[in-house]
Amino acid sequence: MLLLCNYYVTYRCNAFCEFCHFGDHTNFKDSSFADISEFKSNVEQIAKLGVKFIDLTGGEPLLHKEIHLMAEFANNLKMQTSITTNTLLYPKFAEKLAGIINLLHFSLDSPMKKNTTELEK
């Protein structure tokens, strides 16, 4: 039985973390964002297969301007929803995501602000 889907809504990222392959922006700068119509079709299909949990991820999923609509769509299909993010853009989306995201996964790459800032450049 399928339970979890990690759905990549973009490969682009707004951080430059040296340890992450998405941090090399030359590889992903021209990559497209997931189309919301295709997303809806795909999510309807995986819901029929029994998927109960979807993680919207990437690169940085909060770069996708329709991320809140994607989360809402999955939530309306009774899926548990999460976003895996570096949280740099989270304050901008917090209100739109309130009540439709069950879990927020975030990176904490160092307990020291100086080190985290260097990783994110």
Protein backbone atom coordinates (compact mmCIF):
# COMPACT_ATOMS: atom_id res chain seq x y z
CA MET A 1 0.00 0.00 0.00
CA LEU A 2 1.29 3.44 -0.94
CA LEU A 3 1.22 5.94 1.88
CA LEU A 4 3.59 8.83 1.20
CA CYS A 5 4.45 10.92 -1.85
CA ASN A 6 7.32 13.41 -2.00
CA TYR A 7 6.19 15.79 -4.74
CA TYR A 8 8.87 18.08 -6.17
CA VAL A 9 7.18 21.35 -7.13
CA THR A 10 10.48 22.92 -8.26
CA TYR A 11 14.18 22.20 -8.40
CA ARG A 12 15.06 25.86 -7.92
CA CYS A 13 16.29 27.14 -4.57
CA ASN A 14 16.93 30.52 -2.98
CA ALA A 15 19.78 29.28 -0.76
CA PHE A 16 23.32 28.30 -1.73
CA CYS A 17 24.04 25.53 0.75
CA GLU A 18 27.26 23.82 -0.28
CA PHE A 19 26.14 20.40 0.94
CA CYS A 20 22.95 20.35 -1.15
CA HIS A 21 22.79 19.64 -4.89
CA PHE A 22 19.96 22.20 -5.24
CA GLY A 23 22.39 24.84 -3.95
CA ASP A 24 24.22 24.69 -7.30
CA HIS A 25 21.94 27.11 -9.11
CA THR A 26 23.62 26.62 -12.49
CA ASN A 27 22.03 23.16 -12.71
CA PHE A 28 18.46 24.27 -11.97
CA LYS A 29 18.09 27.97 -12.83
CA ASP A 30 16.12 27.23 -15.99
CA SER A 31 14.02 24.40 -14.60
CA SER A 32 10.29 24.90 -14.66
CA PHE A 33 7.85 24.92 -11.79
CA ALA A 34 5.24 22.18 -11.47
CA ASP A 35 2.12 23.07 -13.42
CA ILE A 36 -0.90 23.25 -11.12
CA SER A 37 -3.20 21.44 -13.59
CA GLU A 38 -0.74 18.56 -13.87
CA PHE A 39 -0.29 18.60 -10.10
CA LYS A 40 -4.03 18.26 -9.54
CA SER A 41 -4.28 15.39 -12.01
CA ASN A 42 -1.30 13.61 -10.46
CA VAL A 43 -2.56 14.08 -6.91
CA GLU A 44 -6.03 12.82 -7.79
CA GLN A 45 -4.42 9.70 -9.25
CA ILE A 46 -2.16 9.01 -6.28
CA ALA A 47 -5.08 9.58 -3.90
CA LYS A 48 -6.98 6.85 -5.76
CA LEU A 49 -3.95 4.59 -5.25
CA GLY A 50 -4.23 5.11 -1.51
CA VAL A 51 -1.62 7.79 -0.81
CA LYS A 52 -2.58 9.52 2.44
CA PHE A 53 0.33 11.92 2.93
CA ILE A 54 1.98 14.32 0.50
CA ASP A 55 5.15 16.30 1.12
CA LEU A 56 5.56 19.31 -1.15
CA THR A 57 9.27 19.66 -1.60
CA GLY A 58 11.97 20.77 -3.98
CA GLY A 59 14.52 22.76 -4.27
CA GLU A 60 12.62 25.35 -2.29
CA PRO A 61 8.86 24.74 -2.63
CA LEU A 62 7.95 28.19 -1.30
CA LEU A 63 9.35 29.67 -4.53
CA HIS A 64 6.26 28.23 -6.25
CA LYS A 65 3.66 31.02 -6.31
CA GLU A 66 0.78 28.53 -6.16
CA ILE A 67 2.14 26.39 -3.32
CA HIS A 68 -0.81 27.31 -1.08
CA LEU A 69 -3.27 26.23 -3.78
CA MET A 70 -1.45 22.92 -4.17
CA ALA A 71 -1.53 22.29 -0.44
CA GLU A 72 -5.20 23.22 -0.27
CA PHE A 73 -6.06 20.88 -3.14
CA ALA A 74 -4.33 17.92 -1.46
CA ASN A 75 -5.88 18.84 1.87
CA ASN A 76 -9.35 18.85 0.27
CA LEU A 77 -8.66 15.27 -0.88
CA LYS A 78 -8.21 14.39 2.81
CA MET A 79 -4.44 14.01 2.47
CA GLN A 80 -2.12 14.98 5.26
CA THR A 81 0.15 17.70 3.89
CA SER A 82 3.65 18.89 4.64
CA ILE A 83 6.19 21.24 3.16
CA THR A 84 9.94 20.72 3.36
CA THR A 85 11.53 24.16 3.30
CA ASN A 86 14.56 26.18 4.33
CA THR A 87 11.96 28.62 5.84
CA LEU A 88 13.58 31.73 4.37
CA LEU A 89 10.29 32.56 2.61
CA TYR A 90 7.94 31.10 5.22
CA PRO A 91 6.92 34.43 6.82
CA LYS A 92 5.63 35.52 3.41
CA PHE A 93 3.41 32.40 3.08
CA ALA A 94 2.46 31.68 6.69
CA GLU A 95 -1.06 33.12 6.51
CA LYS A 96 -1.88 31.44 3.20
CA LEU A 97 -0.69 28.06 4.52
CA ALA A 98 -2.37 28.27 7.93
CA GLY A 99 -4.81 25.41 8.42
CA ILE A 100 -3.87 23.49 5.27
CA ILE A 101 -0.39 22.24 6.19
CA ASN A 102 -0.16 19.52 8.82
CA LEU A 103 3.63 19.47 9.12
CA LEU A 104 6.37 21.93 8.31
CA HIS A 105 9.74 20.26 7.79
CA PHE A 106 12.60 22.71 7.90
CA SER A 107 16.36 22.71 7.68
CA LEU A 108 18.45 23.51 10.70
CA ASP A 109 21.91 23.10 9.28
CA SER A 110 23.79 24.50 12.25
CA PRO A 111 22.82 25.50 15.79
CA MET A 112 24.87 28.67 15.33
CA LYS A 113 23.40 31.58 13.34
CA LYS A 114 26.81 32.50 11.91
CA ASN A 115 27.25 29.03 10.39
CA THR A 116 23.68 28.90 9.04
CA THR A 117 24.08 32.32 7.41
CA GLU A 118 27.31 31.19 5.75
CA LEU A 119 25.64 28.03 4.44
CA GLU A 120 22.72 29.98 3.01
CA LYS A 121 24.92 32.86 1.69
